[in-house]
Full PDB file with SEQRES, HELIX, SHEET, SSBOND, CRYST1, ORIGX, SCALE, CONECT and MASTER records, all heavy atoms in Angstrom:
SEQRES   1 A   31  ALA GLU GLY LEU PRO PRO ALA LEU ALA VAL ILE ASP PRO          
SEQRES   2 A   31  LYS ARG SER ASP CYS ARG TYR PRO PHE LYS HIS LEU ALA          
SEQRES   3 A   31  SER VAL GLY MET VAL                                          
HELIX    1 AA1 SER A   27  MET A   30  1                                   4    
CRYST1    1.000    1.000    1.000  90.00  90.00  90.00 P 1           1          
ORIGX1      1.000000  0.000000  0.000000        0.00000                         
ORIGX2      0.000000  1.000000  0.000000        0.00000                         
ORIGX3      0.000000  0.000000  1.000000        0.00000                         
SCALE1      1.000000  0.000000  0.000000        0.00000                         
SCALE2      0.000000  1.000000  0.000000        0.00000                         
SCALE3      0.000000  0.000000  1.000000        0.00000                         
ATOM      1  N   ALA A   1      23.683  74.437 -30.960  1.00  0.00           N  
ATOM      2  CA  ALA A   1      24.170  73.305 -30.163  1.00  0.00           C  
ATOM      3  C   ALA A   1      25.639  73.019 -30.465  1.00  0.00           C  
ATOM      4  O   ALA A   1      26.336  72.379 -29.672  1.00  0.00           O  
ATOM      5  CB  ALA A   1      23.325  72.073 -30.463  1.00  0.00           C  
ATOM      6  N   GLU A   2      26.123  73.529 -31.620  1.00  0.00           N  
ATOM      7  CA  GLU A   2      27.521  73.322 -32.003  1.00  0.00           C  
ATOM      8  C   GLU A   2      28.484  74.212 -31.223  1.00  0.00           C  
ATOM      9  O   GLU A   2      29.702  74.065 -31.336  1.00  0.00           O  
ATOM     10  CB  GLU A   2      27.688  73.591 -33.502  1.00  0.00           C  
ATOM     11  CG  GLU A   2      26.849  72.676 -34.384  1.00  0.00           C  
ATOM     12  CD  GLU A   2      26.823  73.159 -35.831  1.00  0.00           C  
ATOM     13  OE1 GLU A   2      27.855  73.698 -36.308  1.00  0.00           O  
ATOM     14  OE2 GLU A   2      25.771  73.006 -36.476  1.00  0.00           O  
ATOM     15  N   GLY A   3      27.955  75.163 -30.454  1.00  0.00           N  
ATOM     16  CA  GLY A   3      28.824  76.045 -29.685  1.00  0.00           C  
ATOM     17  C   GLY A   3      28.754  77.478 -30.166  1.00  0.00           C  
ATOM     18  O   GLY A   3      27.703  77.932 -30.630  1.00  0.00           O  
ATOM     19  N   LEU A   4      29.877  78.188 -30.075  1.00  0.00           N  
ATOM     20  CA  LEU A   4      29.927  79.611 -30.417  1.00  0.00           C  
ATOM     21  C   LEU A   4      30.873  79.850 -31.594  1.00  0.00           C  
ATOM     22  O   LEU A   4      31.858  79.125 -31.754  1.00  0.00           O  
ATOM     23  CB  LEU A   4      30.404  80.424 -29.213  1.00  0.00           C  
ATOM     24  CG  LEU A   4      29.570  80.313 -27.929  1.00  0.00           C  
ATOM     25  CD1 LEU A   4      30.275  81.023 -26.775  1.00  0.00           C  
ATOM     26  CD2 LEU A   4      28.170  80.883 -28.138  1.00  0.00           C  
ATOM     27  N   PRO A   5      30.604  80.865 -32.406  1.00  0.00           N  
ATOM     28  CA  PRO A   5      31.511  81.205 -33.501  1.00  0.00           C  
ATOM     29  C   PRO A   5      32.880  81.616 -32.947  1.00  0.00           C  
ATOM     30  O   PRO A   5      32.976  82.069 -31.806  1.00  0.00           O  
ATOM     31  CB  PRO A   5      30.824  82.388 -34.188  1.00  0.00           C  
ATOM     32  CG  PRO A   5      29.409  82.345 -33.731  1.00  0.00           C  
ATOM     33  CD  PRO A   5      29.431  81.759 -32.368  1.00  0.00           C  
ATOM     34  N   PRO A   6      33.940  81.475 -33.759  1.00  0.00           N  
ATOM     35  CA  PRO A   6      35.297  81.786 -33.289  1.00  0.00           C  
ATOM     36  C   PRO A   6      35.593  83.287 -33.288  1.00  0.00           C  
ATOM     37  O   PRO A   6      36.588  83.746 -33.876  1.00  0.00           O  
ATOM     38  CB  PRO A   6      36.179  81.034 -34.295  1.00  0.00           C  
ATOM     39  CG  PRO A   6      35.388  81.055 -35.570  1.00  0.00           C  
ATOM     40  CD  PRO A   6      33.951  80.931 -35.147  1.00  0.00           C  
ATOM     41  N   ALA A   7      34.733  84.054 -32.615  1.00  0.00           N  
ATOM     42  CA  ALA A   7      34.901  85.504 -32.569  1.00  0.00           C  
ATOM     43  C   ALA A   7      35.799  85.904 -31.397  1.00  0.00           C  
ATOM     44  O   ALA A   7      36.003  85.128 -30.458  1.00  0.00           O  
ATOM     45  CB  ALA A   7      33.541  86.182 -32.439  1.00  0.00           C  
ATOM     46  N   LEU A   8      36.322  87.122 -31.460  1.00  0.00           N  
ATOM     47  CA  LEU A   8      37.131  87.651 -30.361  1.00  0.00           C  
ATOM     48  C   LEU A   8      36.308  87.708 -29.077  1.00  0.00           C  
ATOM     49  O   LEU A   8      36.803  87.391 -27.999  1.00  0.00           O  
ATOM     50  CB  LEU A   8      37.636  89.059 -30.725  1.00  0.00           C  
ATOM     51  CG  LEU A   8      38.485  89.753 -29.671  1.00  0.00           C  
ATOM     52  CD1 LEU A   8      39.921  89.288 -29.752  1.00  0.00           C  
ATOM     53  CD2 LEU A   8      38.411  91.264 -29.826  1.00  0.00           C  
ATOM     54  N   ALA A   9      35.036  88.133 -29.211  1.00  0.00           N  
ATOM     55  CA  ALA A   9      34.128  88.191 -28.056  1.00  0.00           C  
ATOM     56  C   ALA A   9      32.720  87.883 -28.530  1.00  0.00           C  
ATOM     57  O   ALA A   9      32.295  88.356 -29.583  1.00  0.00           O  
ATOM     58  CB  ALA A   9      34.177  89.566 -27.404  1.00  0.00           C  
ATOM     59  N   VAL A  10      32.005  87.078 -27.745  1.00  0.00           N  
ATOM     60  CA  VAL A  10      30.610  86.759 -28.039  1.00  0.00           C  
ATOM     61  C   VAL A  10      29.792  87.106 -26.807  1.00  0.00           C  
ATOM     62  O   VAL A  10      29.908  86.449 -25.771  1.00  0.00           O  
ATOM     63  CB  VAL A  10      30.424  85.268 -28.390  1.00  0.00           C  
ATOM     64  CG1 VAL A  10      28.944  84.983 -28.659  1.00  0.00           C  
ATOM     65  CG2 VAL A  10      31.267  84.885 -29.596  1.00  0.00           C  
ATOM     66  N   ILE A  11      28.984  88.149 -26.913  1.00  0.00           N  
ATOM     67  CA  ILE A  11      28.157  88.606 -25.798  1.00  0.00           C  
ATOM     68  C   ILE A  11      26.717  88.220 -26.101  1.00  0.00           C  
ATOM     69  O   ILE A  11      26.132  88.693 -27.079  1.00  0.00           O  
ATOM     70  CB  ILE A  11      28.277  90.144 -25.613  1.00  0.00           C  
ATOM     71  CG1 ILE A  11      29.739  90.557 -25.523  1.00  0.00           C  
ATOM     72  CG2 ILE A  11      27.508  90.594 -24.378  1.00  0.00           C  
ATOM     73  CD1 ILE A  11      29.964  92.053 -25.652  1.00  0.00           C  
ATOM     74  N   ASP A  12      26.167  87.332 -25.277  1.00  0.00           N  
ATOM     75  CA  ASP A  12      24.802  86.860 -25.498  1.00  0.00           C  
ATOM     76  C   ASP A  12      24.266  86.335 -24.164  1.00  0.00           C  
ATOM     77  O   ASP A  12      24.830  85.392 -23.602  1.00  0.00           O  
ATOM     78  CB  ASP A  12      24.787  85.752 -26.552  1.00  0.00           C  
ATOM     79  CG  ASP A  12      23.388  85.351 -26.981  1.00  0.00           C  
ATOM     80  OD1 ASP A  12      22.451  85.496 -26.155  1.00  0.00           O  
ATOM     81  OD2 ASP A  12      23.210  84.884 -28.122  1.00  0.00           O  
ATOM     82  N   PRO A  13      23.191  86.924 -23.635  1.00  0.00           N  
ATOM     83  CA  PRO A  13      22.660  86.455 -22.348  1.00  0.00           C  
ATOM     84  C   PRO A  13      22.142  85.023 -22.404  1.00  0.00           C  
ATOM     85  O   PRO A  13      21.955  84.394 -21.366  1.00  0.00           O  
ATOM     86  CB  PRO A  13      21.527  87.442 -22.045  1.00  0.00           C  
ATOM     87  CG  PRO A  13      21.175  88.043 -23.358  1.00  0.00           C  
ATOM     88  CD  PRO A  13      22.417  88.048 -24.181  1.00  0.00           C  
ATOM     89  N   LYS A  14      21.924  84.485 -23.625  1.00  0.00           N  
ATOM     90  CA  LYS A  14      21.439  83.106 -23.757  1.00  0.00           C  
ATOM     91  C   LYS A  14      22.582  82.081 -23.727  1.00  0.00           C  
ATOM     92  O   LYS A  14      22.320  80.880 -23.783  1.00  0.00           O  
ATOM     93  CB  LYS A  14      20.653  82.963 -25.068  1.00  0.00           C  
ATOM     94  CG  LYS A  14      19.495  83.954 -25.233  1.00  0.00           C  
ATOM     95  CD  LYS A  14      18.289  83.522 -24.432  1.00  0.00           C  
ATOM     96  CE  LYS A  14      17.162  84.554 -24.518  1.00  0.00           C  
ATOM     97  NZ  LYS A  14      16.651  84.775 -25.867  1.00  0.00           N  
ATOM     98  N   ARG A  15      23.838  82.551 -23.650  1.00  0.00           N  
ATOM     99  CA  ARG A  15      24.955  81.619 -23.485  1.00  0.00           C  
ATOM    100  C   ARG A  15      24.767  80.840 -22.186  1.00  0.00           C  
ATOM    101  O   ARG A  15      24.393  81.414 -21.154  1.00  0.00           O  
ATOM    102  CB  ARG A  15      26.285  82.371 -23.415  1.00  0.00           C  
ATOM    103  CG  ARG A  15      26.809  82.860 -24.733  1.00  0.00           C  
ATOM    104  CD  ARG A  15      28.128  83.598 -24.578  1.00  0.00           C  
ATOM    105  NE  ARG A  15      29.189  82.770 -23.986  1.00  0.00           N  
ATOM    106  CZ  ARG A  15      30.486  82.995 -24.144  1.00  0.00           C  
ATOM    107  NH1 ARG A  15      30.881  84.044 -24.861  1.00  0.00           N  
ATOM    108  NH2 ARG A  15      31.378  82.207 -23.587  1.00  0.00           N  
ATOM    109  N   SER A  16      25.048  79.551 -22.227  1.00  0.00           N  
ATOM    110  CA  SER A  16      24.853  78.729 -21.027  1.00  0.00           C  
ATOM    111  C   SER A  16      25.766  79.158 -19.880  1.00  0.00           C  
ATOM    112  O   SER A  16      25.442  78.948 -18.711  1.00  0.00           O  
ATOM    113  CB  SER A  16      25.093  77.249 -21.357  1.00  0.00           C  
ATOM    114  OG  SER A  16      26.423  77.068 -21.833  1.00  0.00           O  
ATOM    115  N   ASP A  17      26.913  79.783 -20.211  1.00  0.00           N  
ATOM    116  CA  ASP A  17      27.853  80.201 -19.166  1.00  0.00           C  
ATOM    117  C   ASP A  17      27.703  81.680 -18.804  1.00  0.00           C  
ATOM    118  O   ASP A  17      28.533  82.229 -18.078  1.00  0.00           O  
ATOM    119  CB  ASP A  17      29.293  79.920 -19.604  1.00  0.00           C  
ATOM    120  CG  ASP A  17      29.663  80.642 -20.902  1.00  0.00           C  
ATOM    121  OD1 ASP A  17      28.735  81.152 -21.582  1.00  0.00           O  
ATOM    122  OD2 ASP A  17      30.858  80.685 -21.253  1.00  0.00           O  
ATOM    123  N   CYS A  18      26.643  82.330 -19.294  1.00  0.00           N  
ATOM    124  CA  CYS A  18      26.446  83.752 -18.980  1.00  0.00           C  
ATOM    125  C   CYS A  18      25.734  83.894 -17.636  1.00  0.00           C  
ATOM    126  O   CYS A  18      24.641  83.364 -17.446  1.00  0.00           O  
ATOM    127  CB  CYS A  18      25.627  84.430 -20.081  1.00  0.00           C  
ATOM    128  SG  CYS A  18      25.302  86.172 -19.734  1.00  0.00           S  
ATOM    129  N   ARG A  19      26.339  84.630 -16.719  1.00  0.00           N  
ATOM    130  CA  ARG A  19      25.774  84.774 -15.377  1.00  0.00           C  
ATOM    131  C   ARG A  19      24.864  85.995 -15.254  1.00  0.00           C  
ATOM    132  O   ARG A  19      24.351  86.269 -14.174  1.00  0.00           O  
ATOM    133  CB  ARG A  19      26.912  84.877 -14.344  1.00  0.00           C  
ATOM    134  CG  ARG A  19      27.787  83.650 -14.273  1.00  0.00           C  
ATOM    135  CD  ARG A  19      28.706  83.663 -13.049  1.00  0.00           C  
ATOM    136  NE  ARG A  19      29.510  84.875 -12.987  1.00  0.00           N  
ATOM    137  CZ  ARG A  19      30.685  85.045 -13.594  1.00  0.00           C  
ATOM    138  NH1 ARG A  19      31.186  84.063 -14.321  1.00  0.00           N  
ATOM    139  NH2 ARG A  19      31.357  86.175 -13.480  1.00  0.00           N  
ATOM    140  N   TYR A  20      24.704  86.733 -16.351  1.00  0.00           N  
ATOM    141  CA  TYR A  20      23.880  87.940 -16.259  1.00  0.00           C  
ATOM    142  C   TYR A  20      22.443  87.546 -15.915  1.00  0.00           C  
ATOM    143  O   TYR A  20      21.870  86.652 -16.550  1.00  0.00           O  
ATOM    144  CB  TYR A  20      23.911  88.719 -17.579  1.00  0.00           C  
ATOM    145  CG  TYR A  20      23.413  90.132 -17.409  1.00  0.00           C  
ATOM    146  CD1 TYR A  20      24.145  91.055 -16.685  1.00  0.00           C  
ATOM    147  CD2 TYR A  20      22.203  90.531 -17.948  1.00  0.00           C  
ATOM    148  CE1 TYR A  20      23.700  92.349 -16.507  1.00  0.00           C  
ATOM    149  CE2 TYR A  20      21.741  91.823 -17.781  1.00  0.00           C  
ATOM    150  CZ  TYR A  20      22.494  92.723 -17.056  1.00  0.00           C  
ATOM    151  OH  TYR A  20      22.044  94.004 -16.874  1.00  0.00           O  
ATOM    152  N   PRO A  21      21.827  88.167 -14.914  1.00  0.00           N  
ATOM    153  CA  PRO A  21      20.550  87.656 -14.385  1.00  0.00           C  
ATOM    154  C   PRO A  21      19.341  87.858 -15.288  1.00  0.00           C  
ATOM    155  O   PRO A  21      18.366  87.116 -15.186  1.00  0.00           O  
ATOM    156  CB  PRO A  21      20.375  88.434 -13.069  1.00  0.00           C  
ATOM    157  CG  PRO A  21      21.186  89.680 -13.254  1.00  0.00           C  
ATOM    158  CD  PRO A  21      22.353  89.289 -14.112  1.00  0.00           C  
ATOM    159  N   PHE A  22      19.376  88.854 -16.181  1.00  0.00           N  
ATOM    160  CA  PHE A  22      18.200  89.119 -17.012  1.00  0.00           C  
ATOM    161  C   PHE A  22      18.469  88.609 -18.424  1.00  0.00           C  
ATOM    162  O   PHE A  22      19.358  89.107 -19.118  1.00  0.00           O  
ATOM    163  CB  PHE A  22      17.871  90.607 -17.021  1.00  0.00           C  
ATOM    164  CG  PHE A  22      16.555  90.922 -17.688  1.00  0.00           C  
ATOM    165  CD1 PHE A  22      15.359  90.512 -17.129  1.00  0.00           C  
ATOM    166  CD2 PHE A  22      16.512  91.618 -18.890  1.00  0.00           C  
ATOM    167  CE1 PHE A  22      14.145  90.776 -17.741  1.00  0.00           C  
ATOM    168  CE2 PHE A  22      15.308  91.892 -19.513  1.00  0.00           C  
ATOM    169  CZ  PHE A  22      14.116  91.472 -18.930  1.00  0.00           C  
ATOM    170  N   LYS A  23      17.698  87.631 -18.864  1.00  0.00           N  
ATOM    171  CA  LYS A  23      17.967  86.921 -20.119  1.00  0.00           C  
ATOM    172  C   LYS A  23      17.154  87.418 -21.309  1.00  0.00           C  
ATOM    173  O   LYS A  23      17.266  86.871 -22.398  1.00  0.00           O  
ATOM    174  CB  LYS A  23      17.685  85.415 -19.929  1.00  0.00           C  
ATOM    175  CG  LYS A  23      18.464  84.763 -18.801  1.00  0.00           C  
ATOM    176  CD  LYS A  23      19.965  84.775 -19.073  1.00  0.00           C  
ATOM    177  CE  LYS A  23      20.734  84.032 -18.004  1.00  0.00           C  
ATOM    178  NZ  LYS A  23      22.198  84.092 -18.234  1.00  0.00           N  
ATOM    179  N   HIS A  24      16.313  88.438 -21.115  1.00  0.00           N  
ATOM    180  CA  HIS A  24      15.319  88.775 -22.144  1.00  0.00           C  
ATOM    181  C   HIS A  24      15.562  90.131 -22.804  1.00  0.00           C  
ATOM    182  O   HIS A  24      14.638  90.736 -23.336  1.00  0.00           O  
ATOM    183  CB  HIS A  24      13.917  88.741 -21.541  1.00  0.00           C  
ATOM    184  CG  HIS A  24      13.602  87.445 -20.864  1.00  0.00           C  
ATOM    185  ND1 HIS A  24      13.451  86.270 -21.565  1.00  0.00           N  
ATOM    186  CD2 HIS A  24      13.446  87.123 -19.555  1.00  0.00           C  
ATOM    187  CE1 HIS A  24      13.193  85.287 -20.715  1.00  0.00           C  
ATOM    188  NE2 HIS A  24      13.189  85.778 -19.496  1.00  0.00           N  
ATOM    189  N   LEU A  25      16.795  90.621 -22.771  1.00  0.00           N  
ATOM    190  CA  LEU A  25      17.095  91.891 -23.435  1.00  0.00           C  
ATOM    191  C   LEU A  25      16.912  91.768 -24.945  1.00  0.00           C  
ATOM    192  O   LEU A  25      17.275  90.749 -25.546  1.00  0.00           O  
ATOM    193  CB  LEU A  25      18.539  92.309 -23.158  1.00  0.00           C  
ATOM    194  CG  LEU A  25      18.909  92.680 -21.721  1.00  0.00           C  
ATOM    195  CD1 LEU A  25      20.421  92.808 -21.594  1.00  0.00           C  
ATOM    196  CD2 LEU A  25      18.233  93.982 -21.304  1.00  0.00           C  
ATOM    197  N   ALA A  26      16.349  92.814 -25.552  1.00  0.00           N  
ATOM    198  CA  ALA A  26      16.422  92.933 -27.001  1.00  0.00           C  
ATOM    199  C   ALA A  26      17.865  93.280 -27.353  1.00  0.00           C  
ATOM    200  O   ALA A  26      18.668  93.642 -26.481  1.00  0.00           O  
ATOM    201  CB  ALA A  26      15.468  94.025 -27.495  1.00  0.00           C  
ATOM    202  N   SER A  27      18.213  93.201 -28.625  1.00  0.00           N  
ATOM    203  CA  SER A  27      19.574  93.539 -29.033  1.00  0.00           C  
ATOM    204  C   SER A  27      19.914  94.983 -28.660  1.00  0.00           C  
ATOM    205  O   SER A  27      21.004  95.278 -28.171  1.00  0.00           O  
ATOM    206  CB  SER A  27      19.725  93.334 -30.542  1.00  0.00           C  
ATOM    207  OG  SER A  27      20.967  93.840 -30.981  1.00  0.00           O  
ATOM    208  N   VAL A  28      18.950  95.887 -28.853  1.00  0.00           N  
ATOM    209  CA  VAL A  28      19.217  97.294 -28.549  1.00  0.00           C  
ATOM    210  C   VAL A  28      19.428  97.503 -27.051  1.00  0.00           C  
ATOM    211  O   VAL A  28      20.189  98.377 -26.627  1.00  0.00           O  
ATOM    212  CB  VAL A  28      18.092  98.203 -29.104  1.00  0.00           C  
ATOM    213  CG1 VAL A  28      16.813  98.091 -28.278  1.00  0.00           C  
ATOM    214  CG2 VAL A  28      18.553  99.651 -29.204  1.00  0.00           C  
ATOM    215  N   GLY A  29      18.800  96.677 -26.221  1.00  0.00           N  
ATOM    216  CA  GLY A  29      19.039  96.716 -24.781  1.00  0.00           C  
ATOM    217  C   GLY A  29      20.445  96.260 -24.452  1.00  0.00           C  
ATOM    218  O   GLY A  29      21.110  96.805 -23.552  1.00  0.00           O  
ATOM    219  N   MET A  30      20.949  95.259 -25.199  1.00  0.00           N  
ATOM    220  CA  MET A  30      22.328  94.810 -25.009  1.00  0.00           C  
ATOM    221  C   MET A  30      23.312  95.910 -25.398  1.00  0.00           C  
ATOM    222  O   MET A  30      24.327  96.120 -24.728  1.00  0.00           O  
ATOM    223  CB  MET A  30      22.590  93.560 -25.832  1.00  0.00           C  
ATOM    224  CG  MET A  30      21.831  92.353 -25.352  1.00  0.00           C  
ATOM    225  SD  MET A  30      22.229  90.899 -26.325  1.00  0.00           S  
ATOM    226  CE  MET A  30      23.988  90.783 -26.024  1.00  0.00           C  
ATOM    227  N   VAL A  31      23.007  96.621 -26.489  1.00  0.00           N  
ATOM    228  CA  VAL A  31      23.895  97.720 -26.901  1.00  0.00           C  
ATOM    229  C   VAL A  31      23.871  98.829 -25.852  1.00  0.00           C  
ATOM    230  O   VAL A  31      24.885  99.477 -25.600  1.00  0.00           O  
ATOM    231  CB  VAL A  31      23.507  98.259 -28.298  1.00  0.00           C  
ATOM    232  CG1 VAL A  31      24.421  99.413 -28.702  1.00  0.00           C  
ATOM    233  CG2 VAL A  31      23.588  97.154 -29.344  1.00  0.00           C  
TER     234      VAL A  31                                                      
MASTER        0    0    0    1    0    0    0    6  233    1    0    3          
END                                                                             
């Protein structure tokens, strides 16, 4: 709830601003 870490890039389908339609990828699916 505090937001996102101060990384160069944060890729996560569970981000509230992520428009990617499928939210249930495992990490290996994201890779």
